[in-house]
Amino acid sequence: MLKIYIRYSDLQSLYESSKEWEKFGRLLAERFFNSSQSRTEELLYLSHEKRYLILQEEQPSILKRIASYHIASYLGIQNPSLSRIRKRLVK
């Protein structure tokens, strides 16, 4: 993933220079808000197993590259719970 950094003052200058940059900033903020909202709703309303299945569907390569304790933390569960979920799903 490419990361781009910009000073706040430079970003404000871009917004003031053009309506297109202003729109870009608004759309980007909306995207981050929606992503954050979805993540919060997943943690509040979905079961541990459902969160794992969503991660498995959306980011299958991460499950192979990242240590299980990191995955468990991301899912909001303990590592032994993640192991039980994986064991259940294999059956």
PDB file of N, CA and C in Angstrom:
ATOM      1  N   MET A   1       0.852  -1.179   0.000  1.00  0.00           N
ATOM      2  CA  MET A   1       0.000   0.000   0.000  1.00  0.00           C
ATOM      3  C   MET A   1       0.893   1.236   0.000  1.00  0.00           C
ATOM      4  N   LEU A   2       0.605   2.130  -0.869  1.00  0.00           N
ATOM      5  CA  LEU A   2       1.347   3.371  -0.989  1.00  0.00           C
ATOM      6  C   LEU A   2       0.854   4.364   0.057  1.00  0.00           C
ATOM      7  N   LYS A   3       1.786   4.963   0.772  1.00  0.00           N
ATOM      8  CA  LYS A   3       1.426   5.984   1.758  1.00  0.00           C
ATOM      9  C   LYS A   3       1.964   7.323   1.291  1.00  0.00           C
ATOM     10  N   ILE A   4       1.116   8.313   1.369  1.00  0.00           N
ATOM     11  CA  ILE A   4       1.501   9.663   0.968  1.00  0.00           C
ATOM     12  C   ILE A   4       1.319  10.577   2.172  1.00  0.00           C
ATOM     13  N   TYR A   5       2.311  11.381   2.425  1.00  0.00           N
ATOM     14  CA  TYR A   5       2.254  12.315   3.543  1.00  0.00           C
ATOM     15  C   TYR A   5       2.253  13.743   3.013  1.00  0.00           C
ATOM     16  N   ILE A   6       1.474  14.583   3.666  1.00  0.00           N
ATOM     17  CA  ILE A   6       1.410  15.989   3.278  1.00  0.00           C
ATOM     18  C   ILE A   6       1.197  16.808   4.551  1.00  0.00           C
ATOM     19  N   ARG A   7       1.870  17.924   4.614  1.00  0.00           N
ATOM     20  CA  ARG A   7       1.681  18.812   5.773  1.00  0.00           C
ATOM     21  C   ARG A   7       0.270  19.381   5.738  1.00  0.00           C
ATOM     22  N   TYR A   8      -0.285  19.598   6.911  1.00  0.00           N
ATOM     23  CA  TYR A   8      -1.649  20.117   7.013  1.00  0.00           C
ATOM     24  C   TYR A   8      -1.793  21.451   6.288  1.00  0.00           C
ATOM     25  N   SER A   9      -0.804  22.311   6.434  1.00  0.00           N
ATOM     26  CA  SER A   9      -0.875  23.629   5.784  1.00  0.00           C
ATOM     27  C   SER A   9      -0.879  23.496   4.262  1.00  0.00           C
ATOM     28  N   ASP A  10      -0.107  22.540   3.732  1.00  0.00           N
ATOM     29  CA  ASP A  10      -0.097  22.313   2.284  1.00  0.00           C
ATOM     30  C   ASP A  10      -1.432  21.745   1.812  1.00  0.00           C
ATOM     31  N   LEU A  11      -2.016  20.877   2.605  1.00  0.00           N
ATOM     32  CA  LEU A  11      -3.323  20.321   2.262  1.00  0.00           C
ATOM     33  C   LEU A  11      -4.379  21.417   2.225  1.00  0.00           C
ATOM     34  N   GLN A  12      -4.346  22.296   3.193  1.00  0.00           N
ATOM     35  CA  GLN A  12      -5.297  23.407   3.211  1.00  0.00           C
ATOM     36  C   GLN A  12      -5.112  24.311   1.994  1.00  0.00           C
ATOM     37  N   SER A  13      -3.871  24.511   1.598  1.00  0.00           N
ATOM     38  CA  SER A  13      -3.601  25.319   0.394  1.00  0.00           C
ATOM     39  C   SER A  13      -4.184  24.665  -0.851  1.00  0.00           C
ATOM     40  N   LEU A  14      -4.058  23.341  -0.941  1.00  0.00           N
ATOM     41  CA  LEU A  14      -4.657  22.628  -2.075  1.00  0.00           C
ATOM     42  C   LEU A  14      -6.173  22.806  -2.088  1.00  0.00           C
ATOM     43  N   TYR A  15      -6.799  22.658  -0.921  1.00  0.00           N
ATOM     44  CA  TYR A  15      -8.256  22.816  -0.839  1.00  0.00           C
ATOM     45  C   TYR A  15      -8.691  24.211  -1.277  1.00  0.00           C
ATOM     46  N   GLU A  16      -7.923  25.213  -0.906  1.00  0.00           N
ATOM     47  CA  GLU A  16      -8.268  26.590  -1.252  1.00  0.00           C
ATOM     48  C   GLU A  16      -7.996  26.901  -2.724  1.00  0.00           C
ATOM     49  N   SER A  17      -7.074  26.146  -3.326  1.00  0.00           N
ATOM     50  CA  SER A  17      -6.681  26.445  -4.707  1.00  0.00           C
ATOM     51  C   SER A  17      -7.678  25.942  -5.744  1.00  0.00           C
ATOM     52  N   SER A  18      -8.476  24.943  -5.376  1.00  0.00           N
ATOM     53  CA  SER A  18      -9.330  24.351  -6.403  1.00  0.00           C
ATOM     54  C   SER A  18     -10.512  23.602  -5.786  1.00  0.00           C
ATOM     55  N   LYS A  19     -11.652  23.717  -6.437  1.00  0.00           N
ATOM     56  CA  LYS A  19     -12.852  22.981  -6.004  1.00  0.00           C
ATOM     57  C   LYS A  19     -12.641  21.470  -6.156  1.00  0.00           C
ATOM     58  N   GLU A  20     -11.843  21.056  -7.151  1.00  0.00           N
ATOM     59  CA  GLU A  20     -11.588  19.632  -7.357  1.00  0.00           C
ATOM     60  C   GLU A  20     -10.827  19.029  -6.178  1.00  0.00           C
ATOM     61  N   TRP A  21      -9.831  19.766  -5.658  1.00  0.00           N
ATOM     62  CA  TRP A  21      -9.090  19.281  -4.492  1.00  0.00           C
ATOM     63  C   TRP A  21      -9.991  19.252  -3.261  1.00  0.00           C
ATOM     64  N   GLU A  22     -10.844  20.245  -3.157  1.00  0.00           N
ATOM     65  CA  GLU A  22     -11.788  20.285  -2.040  1.00  0.00           C
ATOM     66  C   GLU A  22     -12.714  19.063  -2.095  1.00  0.00           C
ATOM     67  N   LYS A  23     -13.201  18.757  -3.286  1.00  0.00           N
ATOM     68  CA  LYS A  23     -14.070  17.590  -3.461  1.00  0.00           C
ATOM     69  C   LYS A  23     -13.302  16.297  -3.164  1.00  0.00           C
ATOM     70  N   PHE A  24     -12.073  16.207  -3.637  1.00  0.00           N
ATOM     71  CA  PHE A  24     -11.239  15.039  -3.375  1.00  0.00           C
ATOM     72  C   PHE A  24     -11.080  14.817  -1.867  1.00  0.00           C
ATOM     73  N   GLY A  25     -10.803  15.879  -1.139  1.00  0.00           N
ATOM     74  CA  GLY A  25     -10.649  15.779   0.314  1.00  0.00           C
ATOM     75  C   GLY A  25     -11.925  15.307   0.989  1.00  0.00           C
ATOM     76  N   ARG A  26     -13.054  15.825   0.542  1.00  0.00           N
ATOM     77  CA  ARG A  26     -14.342  15.413   1.117  1.00  0.00           C
ATOM     78  C   ARG A  26     -14.614  13.945   0.826  1.00  0.00           C
ATOM     79  N   LEU A  27     -14.379  13.510  -0.406  1.00  0.00           N
ATOM     80  CA  LEU A  27     -14.612  12.112  -0.772  1.00  0.00           C
ATOM     81  C   LEU A  27     -13.693  11.164  -0.005  1.00  0.00           C
ATOM     82  N   LEU A  28     -12.463  11.577   0.166  1.00  0.00           N
ATOM     83  CA  LEU A  28     -11.512  10.766   0.931  1.00  0.00           C
ATOM     84  C   LEU A  28     -11.948  10.654   2.390  1.00  0.00           C
ATOM     85  N   ALA A  29     -12.372  11.760   2.971  1.00  0.00           N
ATOM     86  CA  ALA A  29     -12.842  11.748   4.358  1.00  0.00           C
ATOM     87  C   ALA A  29     -14.079  10.861   4.507  1.00  0.00           C
ATOM     88  N   GLU A  30     -14.978  10.919   3.522  1.00  0.00           N
ATOM     89  CA  GLU A  30     -16.173  10.069   3.558  1.00  0.00           C
ATOM     90  C   GLU A  30     -15.795   8.594   3.480  1.00  0.00           C
ATOM     91  N   ARG A  31     -14.824   8.284   2.658  1.00  0.00           N
ATOM     92  CA  ARG A  31     -14.385   6.892   2.527  1.00  0.00           C
ATOM     93  C   ARG A  31     -13.801   6.382   3.847  1.00  0.00           C
ATOM     94  N   PHE A  32     -12.952   7.185   4.478  1.00  0.00           N
ATOM     95  CA  PHE A  32     -12.381   6.780   5.765  1.00  0.00           C
ATOM     96  C   PHE A  32     -13.457   6.656   6.841  1.00  0.00           C
ATOM     97  N   PHE A  33     -14.414   7.557   6.828  1.00  0.00           N
ATOM     98  CA  PHE A  33     -15.507   7.484   7.798  1.00  0.00           C
ATOM     99  C   PHE A  33     -16.308   6.205   7.610  1.00  0.00           C
ATOM    100  N   ASN A  34     -16.669   5.888   6.356  1.00  0.00           N
ATOM    101  CA  ASN A  34     -17.438   4.675   6.084  1.00  0.00           C
ATOM    102  C   ASN A  34     -16.676   3.421   6.496  1.00  0.00           C
ATOM    103  N   SER A  35     -15.397   3.408   6.232  1.00  0.00           N
ATOM    104  CA  SER A  35     -14.563   2.272   6.609  1.00  0.00           C
ATOM    105  C   SER A  35     -14.531   2.111   8.134  1.00  0.00           C
ATOM    106  N   SER A  36     -14.358   3.217   8.830  1.00  0.00           N
ATOM    107  CA  SER A  36     -14.338   3.192  10.289  1.00  0.00           C
ATOM    108  C   SER A  36     -15.680   2.754  10.858  1.00  0.00           C
ATOM    109  N   GLN A  37     -16.754   3.245  10.266  1.00  0.00           N
ATOM    110  CA  GLN A  37     -18.100   2.880  10.708  1.00  0.00           C
ATOM    111  C   GLN A  37     -18.351   1.381  10.518  1.00  0.00           C
ATOM    112  N   SER A  38     -17.954   0.854   9.376  1.00  0.00           N
ATOM    113  CA  SER A  38     -18.132  -0.573   9.098  1.00  0.00           C
ATOM    114  C   SER A  38     -17.348  -1.420  10.087  1.00  0.00           C
ATOM    115  N   ARG A  39     -16.131  -1.011  10.367  1.00  0.00           N
ATOM    116  CA  ARG A  39     -15.280  -1.751  11.322  1.00  0.00           C
ATOM    117  C   ARG A  39     -15.917  -1.750  12.710  1.00  0.00           C
ATOM    118  N   THR A  40     -16.420  -0.620  13.140  1.00  0.00           N
ATOM    119  CA  THR A  40     -17.070  -0.519  14.446  1.00  0.00           C
ATOM    120  C   THR A  40     -18.297  -1.412  14.514  1.00  0.00           C
ATOM    121  N   GLU A  41     -19.105  -1.394  13.462  1.00  0.00           N
ATOM    122  CA  GLU A  41     -20.311  -2.225  13.425  1.00  0.00           C
ATOM    123  C   GLU A  41     -19.962  -3.707  13.436  1.00  0.00           C
ATOM    124  N   GLU A  42     -18.905  -4.098  12.729  1.00  0.00           N
ATOM    125  CA  GLU A  42     -18.470  -5.490  12.745  1.00  0.00           C
ATOM    126  C   GLU A  42     -18.116  -5.918  14.170  1.00  0.00           C
ATOM    127  N   LEU A  43     -17.345  -5.085  14.866  1.00  0.00           N
ATOM    128  CA  LEU A  43     -16.923  -5.436  16.224  1.00  0.00           C
ATOM    129  C   LEU A  43     -18.099  -5.503  17.188  1.00  0.00           C
ATOM    130  N   LEU A  44     -19.094  -4.655  16.981  1.00  0.00           N
ATOM    131  CA  LEU A  44     -20.237  -4.621  17.890  1.00  0.00           C
ATOM    132  C   LEU A  44     -21.270  -5.707  17.614  1.00  0.00           C
ATOM    133  N   TYR A  45     -21.523  -5.998  16.355  1.00  0.00           N
ATOM    134  CA  TYR A  45     -22.682  -6.806  16.015  1.00  0.00           C
ATOM    135  C   TYR A  45     -22.402  -8.195  15.461  1.00  0.00           C
ATOM    136  N   LEU A  46     -21.206  -8.457  14.976  1.00  0.00           N
ATOM    137  CA  LEU A  46     -20.934  -9.756  14.369  1.00  0.00           C
ATOM    138  C   LEU A  46     -20.212 -10.674  15.345  1.00  0.00           C
ATOM    139  N   SER A  47     -20.462 -11.958  15.187  1.00  0.00           N
ATOM    140  CA  SER A  47     -19.781 -12.945  16.025  1.00  0.00           C
ATOM    141  C   SER A  47     -18.306 -13.011  15.649  1.00  0.00           C
ATOM    142  N   HIS A  48     -17.514 -13.587  16.549  1.00  0.00           N
ATOM    143  CA  HIS A  48     -16.082 -13.742  16.277  1.00  0.00           C
ATOM    144  C   HIS A  48     -15.870 -14.541  15.001  1.00  0.00           C
ATOM    145  N   GLU A  49     -16.649 -15.602  14.857  1.00  0.00           N
ATOM    146  CA  GLU A  49     -16.502 -16.462  13.690  1.00  0.00           C
ATOM    147  C   GLU A  49     -16.863 -15.723  12.398  1.00  0.00           C
ATOM    148  N   LYS A  50     -17.915 -14.947  12.426  1.00  0.00           N
ATOM    149  CA  LYS A  50     -18.327 -14.186  11.240  1.00  0.00           C
ATOM    150  C   LYS A  50     -17.256 -13.159  10.863  1.00  0.00           C
ATOM    151  N   ARG A  51     -16.662 -12.495  11.860  1.00  0.00           N
ATOM    152  CA  ARG A  51     -15.585 -11.532  11.577  1.00  0.00           C
ATOM    153  C   ARG A  51     -14.398 -12.235  10.929  1.00  0.00           C
ATOM    154  N   TYR A  52     -14.087 -13.440  11.417  1.00  0.00           N
ATOM    155  CA  TYR A  52     -12.987 -14.205  10.844  1.00  0.00           C
ATOM    156  C   TYR A  52     -13.303 -14.581   9.396  1.00  0.00           C
ATOM    157  N   LEU A  53     -14.533 -15.022   9.143  1.00  0.00           N
ATOM    158  CA  LEU A  53     -14.922 -15.408   7.786  1.00  0.00           C
ATOM    159  C   LEU A  53     -14.861 -14.225   6.827  1.00  0.00           C
ATOM    160  N   ILE A  54     -15.259 -13.059   7.286  1.00  0.00           N
ATOM    161  CA  ILE A  54     -15.166 -11.860   6.451  1.00  0.00           C
ATOM    162  C   ILE A  54     -13.711 -11.540   6.129  1.00  0.00           C
ATOM    163  N   LEU A  55     -12.851 -11.608   7.136  1.00  0.00           N
ATOM    164  CA  LEU A  55     -11.426 -11.371   6.912  1.00  0.00           C
ATOM    165  C   LEU A  55     -10.871 -12.398   5.934  1.00  0.00           C
ATOM    166  N   GLN A  56     -11.268 -13.640   6.100  1.00  0.00           N
ATOM    167  CA  GLN A  56     -10.812 -14.717   5.222  1.00  0.00           C
ATOM    168  C   GLN A  56     -11.251 -14.465   3.772  1.00  0.00           C
ATOM    169  N   GLU A  57     -12.440 -13.948   3.601  1.00  0.00           N
ATOM    170  CA  GLU A  57     -12.963 -13.681   2.266  1.00  0.00           C
ATOM    171  C   GLU A  57     -12.314 -12.456   1.633  1.00  0.00           C
ATOM    172  N   GLU A  58     -12.156 -11.389   2.430  1.00  0.00           N
ATOM    173  CA  GLU A  58     -11.657 -10.126   1.883  1.00  0.00           C
ATOM    174  C   GLU A  58     -10.143 -10.053   1.786  1.00  0.00           C
ATOM    175  N   GLN A  59      -9.436 -10.706   2.699  1.00  0.00           N
ATOM    176  CA  GLN A  59      -7.972 -10.612   2.744  1.00  0.00           C
ATOM    177  C   GLN A  59      -7.337 -11.982   2.987  1.00  0.00           C
ATOM    178  N   PRO A  60      -7.535 -12.944   2.108  1.00  0.00           N
ATOM    179  CA  PRO A  60      -7.029 -14.295   2.377  1.00  0.00           C
ATOM    180  C   PRO A  60      -5.509 -14.374   2.535  1.00  0.00           C
ATOM    181  N   SER A  61      -4.776 -13.537   1.840  1.00  0.00           N
ATOM    182  CA  SER A  61      -3.313 -13.607   1.921  1.00  0.00           C
ATOM    183  C   SER A  61      -2.791 -13.152   3.288  1.00  0.00           C
ATOM    184  N   ILE A  62      -3.524 -12.275   3.945  1.00  0.00           N
ATOM    185  CA  ILE A  62      -3.095 -11.793   5.264  1.00  0.00           C
ATOM    186  C   ILE A  62      -3.058 -12.932   6.272  1.00  0.00           C
ATOM    187  N   LEU A  63      -4.023 -13.842   6.174  1.00  0.00           N
ATOM    188  CA  LEU A  63      -4.099 -14.944   7.123  1.00  0.00           C
ATOM    189  C   LEU A  63      -2.879 -15.852   7.045  1.00  0.00           C
ATOM    190  N   LYS A  64      -2.209 -15.862   5.906  1.00  0.00           N
ATOM    191  CA  LYS A  64      -1.015 -16.691   5.738  1.00  0.00           C
ATOM    192  C   LYS A  64       0.253 -15.958   6.156  1.00  0.00           C
ATOM    193  N   ARG A  65       0.221 -14.629   6.111  1.00  0.00           N
ATOM    194  CA  ARG A  65       1.444 -13.841   6.343  1.00  0.00           C
ATOM    195  C   ARG A  65       1.574 -13.280   7.750  1.00  0.00           C
ATOM    196  N   ILE A  66       0.469 -13.101   8.444  1.00  0.00           N
ATOM    197  CA  ILE A  66       0.477 -12.411   9.733  1.00  0.00           C
ATOM    198  C   ILE A  66       0.328 -13.425  10.870  1.00  0.00           C
ATOM    199  N   ALA A  67       1.044 -13.194  11.943  1.00  0.00           N
ATOM    200  CA  ALA A  67       0.973 -14.082  13.111  1.00  0.00           C
ATOM    201  C   ALA A  67      -0.449 -14.123  13.667  1.00  0.00           C
ATOM    202  N   SER A  68      -0.824 -15.286  14.161  1.00  0.00           N
ATOM    203  CA  SER A  68      -2.202 -15.481  14.619  1.00  0.00           C
ATOM    204  C   SER A  68      -2.580 -14.535  15.756  1.00  0.00           C
ATOM    205  N   TYR A  69      -1.643 -14.194  16.626  1.00  0.00           N
ATOM    206  CA  TYR A  69      -1.994 -13.296  17.728  1.00  0.00           C
ATOM    207  C   TYR A  69      -2.329 -11.887  17.222  1.00  0.00           C
ATOM    208  N   HIS A  70      -1.753 -11.482  16.101  1.00  0.00           N
ATOM    209  CA  HIS A  70      -2.112 -10.195  15.496  1.00  0.00           C
ATOM    210  C   HIS A  70      -3.517 -10.265  14.889  1.00  0.00           C
ATOM    211  N   ILE A  71      -3.799 -11.377  14.239  1.00  0.00           N
ATOM    212  CA  ILE A  71      -5.128 -11.567  13.648  1.00  0.00           C
ATOM    213  C   ILE A  71      -6.183 -11.591  14.742  1.00  0.00           C
ATOM    214  N   ALA A  72      -5.903 -12.313  15.820  1.00  0.00           N
ATOM    215  CA  ALA A  72      -6.839 -12.379  16.943  1.00  0.00           C
ATOM    216  C   ALA A  72      -7.095 -10.987  17.512  1.00  0.00           C
ATOM    217  N   SER A  73      -6.045 -10.214  17.671  1.00  0.00           N
ATOM    218  CA  SER A  73      -6.190  -8.856  18.186  1.00  0.00           C
ATOM    219  C   SER A  73      -7.048  -8.006  17.258  1.00  0.00           C
ATOM    220  N   TYR A  74      -6.823  -8.105  15.966  1.00  0.00           N
ATOM    221  CA  TYR A  74      -7.614  -7.358  14.987  1.00  0.00           C
ATOM    222  C   TYR A  74      -9.092  -7.747  15.069  1.00  0.00           C
ATOM    223  N   LEU A  75      -9.352  -9.025  15.308  1.00  0.00           N
ATOM    224  CA  LEU A  75     -10.730  -9.510  15.403  1.00  0.00           C
ATOM    225  C   LEU A  75     -11.362  -9.226  16.756  1.00  0.00           C
ATOM    226  N   GLY A  76     -10.554  -8.770  17.711  1.00  0.00           N
ATOM    227  CA  GLY A  76     -11.071  -8.459  19.043  1.00  0.00           C
ATOM    228  C   GLY A  76     -11.270  -9.688  19.902  1.00  0.00           C
ATOM    229  N   ILE A  77     -10.449 -10.721  19.684  1.00  0.00           N
ATOM    230  CA  ILE A  77     -10.562 -11.958  20.459  1.00  0.00           C
ATOM    231  C   ILE A  77      -9.188 -12.380  20.953  1.00  0.00           C
ATOM    232  N   GLN A  78      -9.177 -13.406  21.805  1.00  0.00           N
ATOM    233  CA  GLN A  78      -7.925 -13.975  22.290  1.00  0.00           C
ATOM    234  C   GLN A  78      -7.445 -15.035  21.307  1.00  0.00           C
ATOM    235  N   ASN A  79      -6.140 -15.287  21.309  1.00  0.00           N
ATOM    236  CA  ASN A  79      -5.551 -16.255  20.398  1.00  0.00           C
ATOM    237  C   ASN A  79      -6.162 -17.660  20.540  1.00  0.00           C
ATOM    238  N   PRO A  80      -6.417 -18.159  21.768  1.00  0.00           N
ATOM    239  CA  PRO A  80      -7.058 -19.486  21.875  1.00  0.00           C
ATOM    240  C   PRO A  80      -8.444 -19.529  21.216  1.00  0.00           C
ATOM    241  N   SER A  81      -9.182 -18.435  21.278  1.00  0.00           N
ATOM    242  CA  SER A  81     -10.492 -18.388  20.619  1.00  0.00           C
ATOM    243  C   SER A  81     -10.334 -18.478  19.112  1.00  0.00           C
ATOM    244  N   LEU A  82      -9.331 -17.807  18.577  1.00  0.00           N
ATOM    245  CA  LEU A  82      -9.064 -17.882  17.143  1.00  0.00           C
ATOM    246  C   LEU A  82      -8.724 -19.314  16.739  1.00  0.00           C
ATOM    247  N   SER A  83      -7.930 -19.989  17.559  1.00  0.00           N
ATOM    248  CA  SER A  83      -7.576 -21.379  17.265  1.00  0.00           C
ATOM    249  C   SER A  83      -8.811 -22.266  17.233  1.00  0.00           C
ATOM    250  N   ARG A  84      -9.735 -22.051  18.172  1.00  0.00           N
ATOM    251  CA  ARG A  84     -10.971 -22.847  18.196  1.00  0.00           C
ATOM    252  C   ARG A  84     -11.817 -22.570  16.950  1.00  0.00           C
ATOM    253  N   ILE A  85     -11.902 -21.304  16.548  1.00  0.00           N
ATOM    254  CA  ILE A  85     -12.664 -20.951  15.341  1.00  0.00           C
ATOM    255  C   ILE A  85     -12.063 -21.642  14.126  1.00  0.00           C
ATOM    256  N   ARG A  86     -10.760 -21.565  13.990  1.00  0.00           N
ATOM    257  CA  ARG A  86     -10.089 -22.202  12.843  1.00  0.00           C
ATOM    258  C   ARG A  86     -10.327 -23.710  12.843  1.00  0.00           C
ATOM    259  N   LYS A  87     -10.239 -24.306  14.004  1.00  0.00           N
ATOM    260  CA  LYS A  87     -10.440 -25.761  14.126  1.00  0.00           C
ATOM    261  C   LYS A  87     -11.866 -26.134  13.717  1.00  0.00           C
ATOM    262  N   ARG A  88     -12.848 -25.354  14.180  1.00  0.00           N
ATOM    263  CA  ARG A  88     -14.247 -25.610  13.831  1.00  0.00           C
ATOM    264  C   ARG A  88     -14.490 -25.494  12.332  1.00  0.00           C
ATOM    265  N   LEU A  89     -13.876 -24.492  11.721  1.00  0.00           N
ATOM    266  CA  LEU A  89     -14.099 -24.249  10.294  1.00  0.00           C
ATOM    267  C   LEU A  89     -13.414 -25.304   9.404  1.00  0.00           C
ATOM    268  N   VAL A  90     -12.377 -25.926   9.890  1.00  0.00           N
ATOM    269  CA  VAL A  90     -11.689 -26.962   9.115  1.00  0.00           C
ATOM    270  C   VAL A  90     -12.548 -28.214   9.015  1.00  0.00           C
ATOM    271  N   LYS A  91     -13.332 -28.474  10.057  1.00  0.00           N
ATOM    272  CA  LYS A  91     -14.163 -29.695  10.080  1.00  0.00           C
ATOM    273  C   LYS A  91     -15.239 -29.678   9.051  1.00  0.00           C
TER     274      LYS A  91
END
